[in-house]
Amino acid sequence: KVTIPIAMVLIITIIVTSFNSGTFMAGEYSMGQNGEPTLGIRAFWGVFVVVNTCLFISLGGLDTLKYTAIVLAFPFLLILLVMILNLFKDMKSYYKEEIEQ
């Protein structure tokens, strides 16, 4: 009886903080990283995310939202793979520099 309310509070806390971080980063990127985004810009991104989520859920339920997230995440997968390859390339050059010294 005690752990269920505690778990609910913790789950809501992590959702709210994640949403706050997401709106902050979206606002910062939309401003071109010129300082901290204003409350209006963060509110715009928050409303934008909520409206899009409600729209996708109303169009086809959670399956539509899930498949849309997968499709939109694919380009980031390619970027991540390039970043991993560059990391290994950089580590290899750093290792060669350390051996030569």
PDB file of N, CA and C in Angstrom:
ATOM      1  N   LYS A   1       0.815  -1.199   0.000  1.00  0.00           N
ATOM      2  CA  LYS A   1       0.000   0.000   0.000  1.00  0.00           C
ATOM      3  C   LYS A   1       0.857   1.262   0.000  1.00  0.00           C
ATOM      4  N   VAL A   2       2.038   1.176   0.520  1.00  0.00           N
ATOM      5  CA  VAL A   2       2.900   2.349   0.612  1.00  0.00           C
ATOM      6  C   VAL A   2       3.725   2.542  -0.662  1.00  0.00           C
ATOM      7  N   THR A   3       4.167   1.441  -1.239  1.00  0.00           N
ATOM      8  CA  THR A   3       5.085   1.555  -2.371  1.00  0.00           C
ATOM      9  C   THR A   3       4.406   2.025  -3.661  1.00  0.00           C
ATOM     10  N   ILE A   4       3.125   1.751  -3.834  1.00  0.00           N
ATOM     11  CA  ILE A   4       2.440   2.167  -5.059  1.00  0.00           C
ATOM     12  C   ILE A   4       2.380   3.691  -5.175  1.00  0.00           C
ATOM     13  N   PRO A   5       1.965   4.438  -4.162  1.00  0.00           N
ATOM     14  CA  PRO A   5       1.997   5.902  -4.292  1.00  0.00           C
ATOM     15  C   PRO A   5       3.413   6.460  -4.476  1.00  0.00           C
ATOM     16  N   ILE A   6       4.389   5.865  -3.798  1.00  0.00           N
ATOM     17  CA  ILE A   6       5.770   6.318  -3.964  1.00  0.00           C
ATOM     18  C   ILE A   6       6.240   6.080  -5.394  1.00  0.00           C
ATOM     19  N   ALA A   7       5.925   4.904  -5.928  1.00  0.00           N
ATOM     20  CA  ALA A   7       6.305   4.595  -7.304  1.00  0.00           C
ATOM     21  C   ALA A   7       5.628   5.547  -8.286  1.00  0.00           C
ATOM     22  N   MET A   8       4.365   5.865  -8.062  1.00  0.00           N
ATOM     23  CA  MET A   8       3.650   6.786  -8.953  1.00  0.00           C
ATOM     24  C   MET A   8       4.287   8.184  -8.924  1.00  0.00           C
ATOM     25  N   VAL A   9       4.646   8.644  -7.744  1.00  0.00           N
ATOM     26  CA  VAL A   9       5.284   9.962  -7.628  1.00  0.00           C
ATOM     27  C   VAL A   9       6.630   9.960  -8.354  1.00  0.00           C
ATOM     28  N   LEU A  10       7.401   8.898  -8.195  1.00  0.00           N
ATOM     29  CA  LEU A  10       8.690   8.817  -8.880  1.00  0.00           C
ATOM     30  C   LEU A  10       8.531   8.741 -10.397  1.00  0.00           C
ATOM     31  N   ILE A  11       7.548   7.991 -10.875  1.00  0.00           N
ATOM     32  CA  ILE A  11       7.310   7.886 -12.315  1.00  0.00           C
ATOM     33  C   ILE A  11       6.888   9.235 -12.884  1.00  0.00           C
ATOM     34  N   ILE A  12       5.980   9.915 -12.211  1.00  0.00           N
ATOM     35  CA  ILE A  12       5.541  11.239 -12.676  1.00  0.00           C
ATOM     36  C   ILE A  12       6.710  12.224 -12.646  1.00  0.00           C
ATOM     37  N   THR A  13       7.549  12.146 -11.622  1.00  0.00           N
ATOM     38  CA  THR A  13       8.708  13.033 -11.525  1.00  0.00           C
ATOM     39  C   THR A  13       9.661  12.830 -12.688  1.00  0.00           C
ATOM     40  N   ILE A  14       9.951  11.590 -13.047  1.00  0.00           N
ATOM     41  CA  ILE A  14      10.886  11.345 -14.145  1.00  0.00           C
ATOM     42  C   ILE A  14      10.277  11.770 -15.483  1.00  0.00           C
ATOM     43  N   ILE A  15       8.974  11.597 -15.656  1.00  0.00           N
ATOM     44  CA  ILE A  15       8.328  12.035 -16.898  1.00  0.00           C
ATOM     45  C   ILE A  15       8.374  13.552 -17.013  1.00  0.00           C
ATOM     46  N   VAL A  16       8.064  14.250 -15.936  1.00  0.00           N
ATOM     47  CA  VAL A  16       8.053  15.720 -15.963  1.00  0.00           C
ATOM     48  C   VAL A  16       9.460  16.270 -16.193  1.00  0.00           C
ATOM     49  N   THR A  17      10.456  15.717 -15.506  1.00  0.00           N
ATOM     50  CA  THR A  17      11.815  16.227 -15.697  1.00  0.00           C
ATOM     51  C   THR A  17      12.338  15.924 -17.094  1.00  0.00           C
ATOM     52  N   SER A  18      12.002  14.769 -17.651  1.00  0.00           N
ATOM     53  CA  SER A  18      12.412  14.442 -19.018  1.00  0.00           C
ATOM     54  C   SER A  18      11.738  15.365 -20.023  1.00  0.00           C
ATOM     55  N   PHE A  19      10.464  15.641 -19.818  1.00  0.00           N
ATOM     56  CA  PHE A  19       9.739  16.550 -20.712  1.00  0.00           C
ATOM     57  C   PHE A  19      10.317  17.959 -20.616  1.00  0.00           C
ATOM     58  N   ASN A  20      10.637  18.395 -19.408  1.00  0.00           N
ATOM     59  CA  ASN A  20      11.242  19.715 -19.210  1.00  0.00           C
ATOM     60  C   ASN A  20      12.599  19.797 -19.914  1.00  0.00           C
ATOM     61  N   SER A  21      13.411  18.767 -19.791  1.00  0.00           N
ATOM     62  CA  SER A  21      14.705  18.752 -20.466  1.00  0.00           C
ATOM     63  C   SER A  21      14.546  18.763 -21.978  1.00  0.00           C
ATOM     64  N   GLY A  22      13.578  18.006 -22.464  1.00  0.00           N
ATOM     65  CA  GLY A  22      13.331  17.972 -23.909  1.00  0.00           C
ATOM     66  C   GLY A  22      12.896  19.314 -24.463  1.00  0.00           C
ATOM     67  N   THR A  23      12.005  19.993 -23.761  1.00  0.00           N
ATOM     68  CA  THR A  23      11.567  21.308 -24.242  1.00  0.00           C
ATOM     69  C   THR A  23      12.700  22.326 -24.139  1.00  0.00           C
ATOM     70  N   PHE A  24      13.533  22.200 -23.115  1.00  0.00           N
ATOM     71  CA  PHE A  24      14.672  23.108 -22.984  1.00  0.00           C
ATOM     72  C   PHE A  24      15.635  22.933 -24.158  1.00  0.00           C
ATOM     73  N   MET A  25      15.960  21.679 -24.487  1.00  0.00           N
ATOM     74  CA  MET A  25      16.903  21.430 -25.575  1.00  0.00           C
ATOM     75  C   MET A  25      16.315  21.824 -26.925  1.00  0.00           C
ATOM     76  N   ALA A  26      15.037  21.536 -27.149  1.00  0.00           N
ATOM     77  CA  ALA A  26      14.409  21.937 -28.407  1.00  0.00           C
ATOM     78  C   ALA A  26      14.404  23.451 -28.544  1.00  0.00           C
ATOM     79  N   GLY A  27      14.131  24.144 -27.448  1.00  0.00           N
ATOM     80  CA  GLY A  27      14.159  25.599 -27.465  1.00  0.00           C
ATOM     81  C   GLY A  27      15.547  26.147 -27.702  1.00  0.00           C
ATOM     82  N   GLU A  28      16.538  25.522 -27.097  1.00  0.00           N
ATOM     83  CA  GLU A  28      17.915  25.970 -27.284  1.00  0.00           C
ATOM     84  C   GLU A  28      18.375  25.765 -28.728  1.00  0.00           C
ATOM     85  N   TYR A  29      18.048  24.619 -29.300  1.00  0.00           N
ATOM     86  CA  TYR A  29      18.436  24.359 -30.689  1.00  0.00           C
ATOM     87  C   TYR A  29      17.680  25.256 -31.660  1.00  0.00           C
ATOM     88  N   SER A  30      16.428  25.551 -31.372  1.00  0.00           N
ATOM     89  CA  SER A  30      15.666  26.401 -32.281  1.00  0.00           C
ATOM     90  C   SER A  30      16.137  27.849 -32.229  1.00  0.00           C
ATOM     91  N   MET A  31      16.772  28.243 -31.120  1.00  0.00           N
ATOM     92  CA  MET A  31      17.328  29.589 -31.016  1.00  0.00           C
ATOM     93  C   MET A  31      18.753  29.653 -31.548  1.00  0.00           C
ATOM     94  N   GLY A  32      19.279  28.543 -32.004  1.00  0.00           N
ATOM     95  CA  GLY A  32      20.654  28.520 -32.487  1.00  0.00           C
ATOM     96  C   GLY A  32      21.670  28.516 -31.363  1.00  0.00           C
ATOM     97  N   GLN A  33      21.308  27.994 -30.224  1.00  0.00           N
ATOM     98  CA  GLN A  33      22.169  27.885 -29.050  1.00  0.00           C
ATOM     99  C   GLN A  33      22.695  29.249 -28.607  1.00  0.00           C
ATOM    100  N   ASN A  34      21.854  30.265 -28.704  1.00  0.00           N
ATOM    101  CA  ASN A  34      22.222  31.612 -28.263  1.00  0.00           C
ATOM    102  C   ASN A  34      21.696  31.877 -26.858  1.00  0.00           C
ATOM    103  N   GLY A  35      22.167  31.123 -25.908  1.00  0.00           N
ATOM    104  CA  GLY A  35      21.740  31.325 -24.533  1.00  0.00           C
ATOM    105  C   GLY A  35      20.541  30.469 -24.166  1.00  0.00           C
ATOM    106  N   GLU A  36      20.032  30.750 -22.982  1.00  0.00           N
ATOM    107  CA  GLU A  36      18.905  29.983 -22.456  1.00  0.00           C
ATOM    108  C   GLU A  36      17.612  30.394 -23.162  1.00  0.00           C
ATOM    109  N   PRO A  37      16.807  29.417 -23.595  1.00  0.00           N
ATOM    110  CA  PRO A  37      15.562  29.766 -24.288  1.00  0.00           C
ATOM    111  C   PRO A  37      14.554  30.415 -23.334  1.00  0.00           C
ATOM    112  N   THR A  38      13.751  31.296 -23.879  1.00  0.00           N
ATOM    113  CA  THR A  38      12.751  31.975 -23.060  1.00  0.00           C
ATOM    114  C   THR A  38      11.632  31.006 -22.695  1.00  0.00           C
ATOM    115  N   LEU A  39      10.844  31.401 -21.733  1.00  0.00           N
ATOM    116  CA  LEU A  39       9.726  30.566 -21.293  1.00  0.00           C
ATOM    117  C   LEU A  39       8.715  30.376 -22.426  1.00  0.00           C
ATOM    118  N   GLY A  40       8.516  31.400 -23.254  1.00  0.00           N
ATOM    119  CA  GLY A  40       7.581  31.298 -24.375  1.00  0.00           C
ATOM    120  C   GLY A  40       8.008  30.251 -25.392  1.00  0.00           C
ATOM    121  N   ILE A  41       9.298  30.199 -25.691  1.00  0.00           N
ATOM    122  CA  ILE A  41       9.805  29.213 -26.643  1.00  0.00           C
ATOM    123  C   ILE A  41       9.693  27.809 -26.060  1.00  0.00           C
ATOM    124  N   ARG A  42      10.010  27.667 -24.794  1.00  0.00           N
ATOM    125  CA  ARG A  42       9.878  26.348 -24.154  1.00  0.00           C
ATOM    126  C   ARG A  42       8.422  25.918 -24.094  1.00  0.00           C
ATOM    127  N   ALA A  43       7.517  26.866 -23.842  1.00  0.00           N
ATOM    128  CA  ALA A  43       6.089  26.542 -23.828  1.00  0.00           C
ATOM    129  C   ALA A  43       5.616  26.136 -25.218  1.00  0.00           C
ATOM    130  N   PHE A  44       6.117  26.819 -26.259  1.00  0.00           N
ATOM    131  CA  PHE A  44       5.755  26.443 -27.628  1.00  0.00           C
ATOM    132  C   PHE A  44       6.144  25.001 -27.906  1.00  0.00           C
ATOM    133  N   TRP A  45       7.374  24.627 -27.560  1.00  0.00           N
ATOM    134  CA  TRP A  45       7.814  23.256 -27.828  1.00  0.00           C
ATOM    135  C   TRP A  45       7.046  22.241 -26.993  1.00  0.00           C
ATOM    136  N   GLY A  46       6.690  22.614 -25.779  1.00  0.00           N
ATOM    137  CA  GLY A  46       5.881  21.718 -24.959  1.00  0.00           C
ATOM    138  C   GLY A  46       4.511  21.479 -25.552  1.00  0.00           C
ATOM    139  N   VAL A  47       3.857  22.551 -25.987  1.00  0.00           N
ATOM    140  CA  VAL A  47       2.539  22.422 -26.633  1.00  0.00           C
ATOM    141  C   VAL A  47       2.673  21.650 -27.932  1.00  0.00           C
ATOM    142  N   PHE A  48       3.733  21.915 -28.691  1.00  0.00           N
ATOM    143  CA  PHE A  48       3.959  21.223 -29.962  1.00  0.00           C
ATOM    144  C   PHE A  48       4.062  19.712 -29.753  1.00  0.00           C
ATOM    145  N   VAL A  49       4.822  19.305 -28.767  1.00  0.00           N
ATOM    146  CA  VAL A  49       4.991  17.873 -28.487  1.00  0.00           C
ATOM    147  C   VAL A  49       3.679  17.246 -28.039  1.00  0.00           C
ATOM    148  N   VAL A  50       2.958  17.915 -27.159  1.00  0.00           N
ATOM    149  CA  VAL A  50       1.690  17.374 -26.647  1.00  0.00           C
ATOM    150  C   VAL A  50       0.660  17.268 -27.769  1.00  0.00           C
ATOM    151  N   VAL A  51       0.553  18.298 -28.605  1.00  0.00           N
ATOM    152  CA  VAL A  51      -0.419  18.268 -29.705  1.00  0.00           C
ATOM    153  C   VAL A  51      -0.082  17.159 -30.695  1.00  0.00           C
ATOM    154  N   ASN A  52       1.195  17.022 -31.048  1.00  0.00           N
ATOM    155  CA  ASN A  52       1.572  15.956 -31.972  1.00  0.00           C
ATOM    156  C   ASN A  52       1.329  14.572 -31.387  1.00  0.00           C
ATOM    157  N   THR A  53       1.615  14.406 -30.121  1.00  0.00           N
ATOM    158  CA  THR A  53       1.357  13.116 -29.480  1.00  0.00           C
ATOM    159  C   THR A  53      -0.135  12.791 -29.489  1.00  0.00           C
ATOM    160  N   CYS A  54      -0.963  13.770 -29.133  1.00  0.00           N
ATOM    161  CA  CYS A  54      -2.417  13.554 -29.152  1.00  0.00           C
ATOM    162  C   CYS A  54      -2.909  13.277 -30.568  1.00  0.00           C
ATOM    163  N   LEU A  55      -2.338  13.955 -31.545  1.00  0.00           N
ATOM    164  CA  LEU A  55      -2.731  13.745 -32.939  1.00  0.00           C
ATOM    165  C   LEU A  55      -2.402  12.327 -33.391  1.00  0.00           C
ATOM    166  N   PHE A  56      -1.196  11.873 -33.118  1.00  0.00           N
ATOM    167  CA  PHE A  56      -0.819  10.516 -33.528  1.00  0.00           C
ATOM    168  C   PHE A  56      -1.643   9.457 -32.807  1.00  0.00           C
ATOM    169  N   ILE A  57      -1.917   9.674 -31.534  1.00  0.00           N
ATOM    170  CA  ILE A  57      -2.723   8.701 -30.792  1.00  0.00           C
ATOM    171  C   ILE A  57      -4.148   8.670 -31.328  1.00  0.00           C
ATOM    172  N   SER A  58      -4.702   9.843 -31.669  1.00  0.00           N
ATOM    173  CA  SER A  58      -6.074   9.870 -32.189  1.00  0.00           C
ATOM    174  C   SER A  58      -6.164   9.301 -33.598  1.00  0.00           C
ATOM    175  N   LEU A  59      -5.076   9.374 -34.371  1.00  0.00           N
ATOM    176  CA  LEU A  59      -5.102   8.845 -35.739  1.00  0.00           C
ATOM    177  C   LEU A  59      -5.051   7.322 -35.776  1.00  0.00           C
ATOM    178  N   GLY A  60      -4.267   6.721 -34.902  1.00  0.00           N
ATOM    179  CA  GLY A  60      -4.160   5.279 -34.998  1.00  0.00           C
ATOM    180  C   GLY A  60      -3.772   4.590 -33.719  1.00  0.00           C
ATOM    181  N   GLY A  61      -3.808   5.273 -32.631  1.00  0.00           N
ATOM    182  CA  GLY A  61      -3.475   4.647 -31.363  1.00  0.00           C
ATOM    183  C   GLY A  61      -1.984   4.615 -31.111  1.00  0.00           C
ATOM    184  N   LEU A  62      -1.595   3.819 -30.144  1.00  0.00           N
ATOM    185  CA  LEU A  62      -0.198   3.736 -29.746  1.00  0.00           C
ATOM    186  C   LEU A  62       0.684   3.096 -30.807  1.00  0.00           C
ATOM    187  N   ASP A  63       0.096   2.219 -31.638  1.00  0.00           N
ATOM    188  CA  ASP A  63       0.892   1.602 -32.699  1.00  0.00           C
ATOM    189  C   ASP A  63       1.401   2.646 -33.679  1.00  0.00           C
ATOM    190  N   THR A  64       0.544   3.599 -34.049  1.00  0.00           N
ATOM    191  CA  THR A  64       0.970   4.666 -34.959  1.00  0.00           C
ATOM    192  C   THR A  64       2.073   5.498 -34.325  1.00  0.00           C
ATOM    193  N   LEU A  65       1.933   5.816 -33.063  1.00  0.00           N
ATOM    194  CA  LEU A  65       2.954   6.596 -32.363  1.00  0.00           C
ATOM    195  C   LEU A  65       4.264   5.818 -32.292  1.00  0.00           C
ATOM    196  N   LYS A  66       4.186   4.528 -32.031  1.00  0.00           N
ATOM    197  CA  LYS A  66       5.379   3.692 -31.935  1.00  0.00           C
ATOM    198  C   LYS A  66       6.094   3.598 -33.278  1.00  0.00           C
ATOM    199  N   TYR A  67       5.350   3.349 -34.365  1.00  0.00           N
ATOM    200  CA  TYR A  67       5.963   3.224 -35.679  1.00  0.00           C
ATOM    201  C   TYR A  67       6.520   4.553 -36.167  1.00  0.00           C
ATOM    202  N   THR A  68       5.862   5.645 -35.840  1.00  0.00           N
ATOM    203  CA  THR A  68       6.370   6.964 -36.220  1.00  0.00           C
ATOM    204  C   THR A  68       7.690   7.244 -35.508  1.00  0.00           C
ATOM    205  N   ALA A  69       7.773   6.896 -34.249  1.00  0.00           N
ATOM    206  CA  ALA A  69       9.013   7.101 -33.494  1.00  0.00           C
ATOM    207  C   ALA A  69      10.147   6.275 -34.089  1.00  0.00           C
ATOM    208  N   ILE A  70       9.853   5.055 -34.511  1.00  0.00           N
ATOM    209  CA  ILE A  70      10.881   4.207 -35.116  1.00  0.00           C
ATOM    210  C   ILE A  70      11.356   4.795 -36.432  1.00  0.00           C
ATOM    211  N   VAL A  71      10.424   5.240 -37.271  1.00  0.00           N
ATOM    212  CA  VAL A  71      10.789   5.802 -38.581  1.00  0.00           C
ATOM    213  C   VAL A  71      11.590   7.094 -38.408  1.00  0.00           C
ATOM    214  N   LEU A  72      11.178   7.942 -37.484  1.00  0.00           N
ATOM    215  CA  LEU A  72      11.887   9.206 -37.292  1.00  0.00           C
ATOM    216  C   LEU A  72      13.231   9.019 -36.599  1.00  0.00           C
ATOM    217  N   ALA A  73      13.434   7.914 -35.908  1.00  0.00           N
ATOM    218  CA  ALA A  73      14.702   7.665 -35.237  1.00  0.00           C
ATOM    219  C   ALA A  73      15.750   7.104 -36.185  1.00  0.00           C
ATOM    220  N   PHE A  74      15.346   6.598 -37.348  1.00  0.00           N
ATOM    221  CA  PHE A  74      16.299   5.966 -38.263  1.00  0.00           C
ATOM    222  C   PHE A  74      17.413   6.912 -38.718  1.00  0.00           C
ATOM    223  N   PRO A  75      17.116   8.165 -39.120  1.00  0.00           N
ATOM    224  CA  PRO A  75      18.234   9.049 -39.505  1.00  0.00           C
ATOM    225  C   PRO A  75      19.232   9.279 -38.372  1.00  0.00           C
ATOM    226  N   PHE A  76      18.761   9.310 -37.142  1.00  0.00           N
ATOM    227  CA  PHE A  76      19.666   9.480 -36.007  1.00  0.00           C
ATOM    228  C   PHE A  76      20.547   8.251 -35.825  1.00  0.00           C
ATOM    229  N   LEU A  77      20.046   7.093 -36.211  1.00  0.00           N
ATOM    230  CA  LEU A  77      20.865   5.882 -36.163  1.00  0.00           C
ATOM    231  C   LEU A  77      22.047   6.025 -37.107  1.00  0.00           C
ATOM    232  N   LEU A  78      21.809   6.543 -38.305  1.00  0.00           N
ATOM    233  CA  LEU A  78      22.902   6.730 -39.262  1.00  0.00           C
ATOM    234  C   LEU A  78      23.927   7.738 -38.740  1.00  0.00           C
ATOM    235  N   ILE A  79      23.448   8.816 -38.153  1.00  0.00           N
ATOM    236  CA  ILE A  79      24.356   9.816 -37.583  1.00  0.00           C
ATOM    237  C   ILE A  79      25.164   9.201 -36.447  1.00  0.00           C
ATOM    238  N   LEU A  80      24.515   8.391 -35.633  1.00  0.00           N
ATOM    239  CA  LEU A  80      25.197   7.741 -34.520  1.00  0.00           C
ATOM    240  C   LEU A  80      26.278   6.786 -35.021  1.00  0.00           C
ATOM    241  N   LEU A  81      26.002   6.057 -36.083  1.00  0.00           N
ATOM    242  CA  LEU A  81      27.009   5.152 -36.643  1.00  0.00           C
ATOM    243  C   LEU A  81      28.219   5.922 -37.156  1.00  0.00           C
ATOM    244  N   VAL A  82      27.996   7.050 -37.815  1.00  0.00           N
ATOM    245  CA  VAL A  82      29.112   7.878 -38.282  1.00  0.00           C
ATOM    246  C   VAL A  82      29.908   8.407 -37.099  1.00  0.00           C
ATOM    247  N   MET A  83      29.217   8.796 -36.038  1.00  0.00           N
ATOM    248  CA  MET A  83      29.912   9.284 -34.849  1.00  0.00           C
ATOM    249  C   MET A  83      30.770   8.187 -34.214  1.00  0.00           C
ATOM    250  N   ILE A  84      30.265   6.959 -34.193  1.00  0.00           N
ATOM    251  CA  ILE A  84      31.026   5.835 -33.632  1.00  0.00           C
ATOM    252  C   ILE A  84      32.258   5.565 -34.474  1.00  0.00           C
ATOM    253  N   LEU A  85      32.101   5.580 -35.798  1.00  0.00           N
ATOM    254  CA  LEU A  85      33.253   5.362 -36.677  1.00  0.00           C
ATOM    255  C   LEU A  85      34.305   6.446 -36.480  1.00  0.00           C
ATOM    256  N   ASN A  86      33.883   7.690 -36.360  1.00  0.00           N
ATOM    257  CA  ASN A  86      34.830   8.778 -36.131  1.00  0.00           C
ATOM    258  C   ASN A  86      35.506   8.664 -34.775  1.00  0.00           C
ATOM    259  N   LEU A  87      34.781   8.178 -33.780  1.00  0.00           N
ATOM    260  CA  LEU A  87      35.379   7.967 -32.468  1.00  0.00           C
ATOM    261  C   LEU A  87      36.506   6.948 -32.549  1.00  0.00           C
ATOM    262  N   PHE A  88      36.255   5.827 -33.230  1.00  0.00           N
ATOM    263  CA  PHE A  88      37.300   4.813 -33.372  1.00  0.00           C
ATOM    264  C   PHE A  88      38.484   5.341 -34.172  1.00  0.00           C
ATOM    265  N   LYS A  89      38.209   6.109 -35.195  1.00  0.00           N
ATOM    266  CA  LYS A  89      39.275   6.707 -36.011  1.00  0.00           C
ATOM    267  C   LYS A  89      40.122   7.653 -35.164  1.00  0.00           C
ATOM    268  N   ASP A  90      39.467   8.461 -34.356  1.00  0.00           N
ATOM    269  CA  ASP A  90      40.168   9.402 -33.490  1.00  0.00           C
ATOM    270  C   ASP A  90      40.975   8.663 -32.424  1.00  0.00           C
ATOM    271  N   MET A  91      40.393   7.619 -31.855  1.00  0.00           N
ATOM    272  CA  MET A  91      41.117   6.847 -30.847  1.00  0.00           C
ATOM    273  C   MET A  91      42.347   6.182 -31.451  1.00  0.00           C
ATOM    274  N   LYS A  92      42.222   5.695 -32.681  1.00  0.00           N
ATOM    275  CA  LYS A  92      43.342   5.047 -33.353  1.00  0.00           C
ATOM    276  C   LYS A  92      44.475   6.043 -33.597  1.00  0.00           C
ATOM    277  N   SER A  93      44.141   7.251 -34.049  1.00  0.00           N
ATOM    278  CA  SER A  93      45.186   8.247 -34.294  1.00  0.00           C
ATOM    279  C   SER A  93      45.823   8.700 -32.979  1.00  0.00           C
ATOM    280  N   TYR A  94      45.034   8.816 -31.930  1.00  0.00           N
ATOM    281  CA  TYR A  94      45.576   9.192 -30.630  1.00  0.00           C
ATOM    282  C   TYR A  94      46.515   8.106 -30.101  1.00  0.00           C
ATOM    283  N   TYR A  95      46.141   6.860 -30.296  1.00  0.00           N
ATOM    284  CA  TYR A  95      46.964   5.745 -29.841  1.00  0.00           C
ATOM    285  C   TYR A  95      48.292   5.733 -30.585  1.00  0.00           C
ATOM    286  N   LYS A  96      48.259   6.009 -31.903  1.00  0.00           N
ATOM    287  CA  LYS A  96      49.500   6.048 -32.688  1.00  0.00           C
ATOM    288  C   LYS A  96      50.393   7.185 -32.225  1.00  0.00           C
ATOM    289  N   GLU A  97      49.820   8.335 -31.893  1.00  0.00           N
ATOM    290  CA  GLU A  97      50.601   9.467 -31.398  1.00  0.00           C
ATOM    291  C   GLU A  97      51.260   9.128 -30.072  1.00  0.00           C
ATOM    292  N   GLU A  98      50.561   8.428 -29.206  1.00  0.00           N
ATOM    293  CA  GLU A  98      51.118   8.070 -27.910  1.00  0.00           C
ATOM    294  C   GLU A  98      52.260   7.075 -28.036  1.00  0.00           C
ATOM    295  N   ILE A  99      52.161   6.164 -28.995  1.00  0.00           N
ATOM    296  CA  ILE A  99      53.232   5.174 -29.198  1.00  0.00           C
ATOM    297  C   ILE A  99      54.483   5.840 -29.750  1.00  0.00           C
ATOM    298  N   GLU A 100      54.296   6.809 -30.645  1.00  0.00           N
ATOM    299  CA  GLU A 100      55.431   7.485 -31.275  1.00  0.00           C
ATOM    300  C   GLU A 100      56.187   8.360 -30.278  1.00  0.00           C
ATOM    301  N   GLN A 101      55.552   8.789 -29.233  1.00  0.00           N
ATOM    302  CA  GLN A 101      56.235   9.675 -28.264  1.00  0.00           C
ATOM    303  C   GLN A 101      56.983   8.915 -27.252  1.00  0.00           C
TER     304      GLN A 101
END
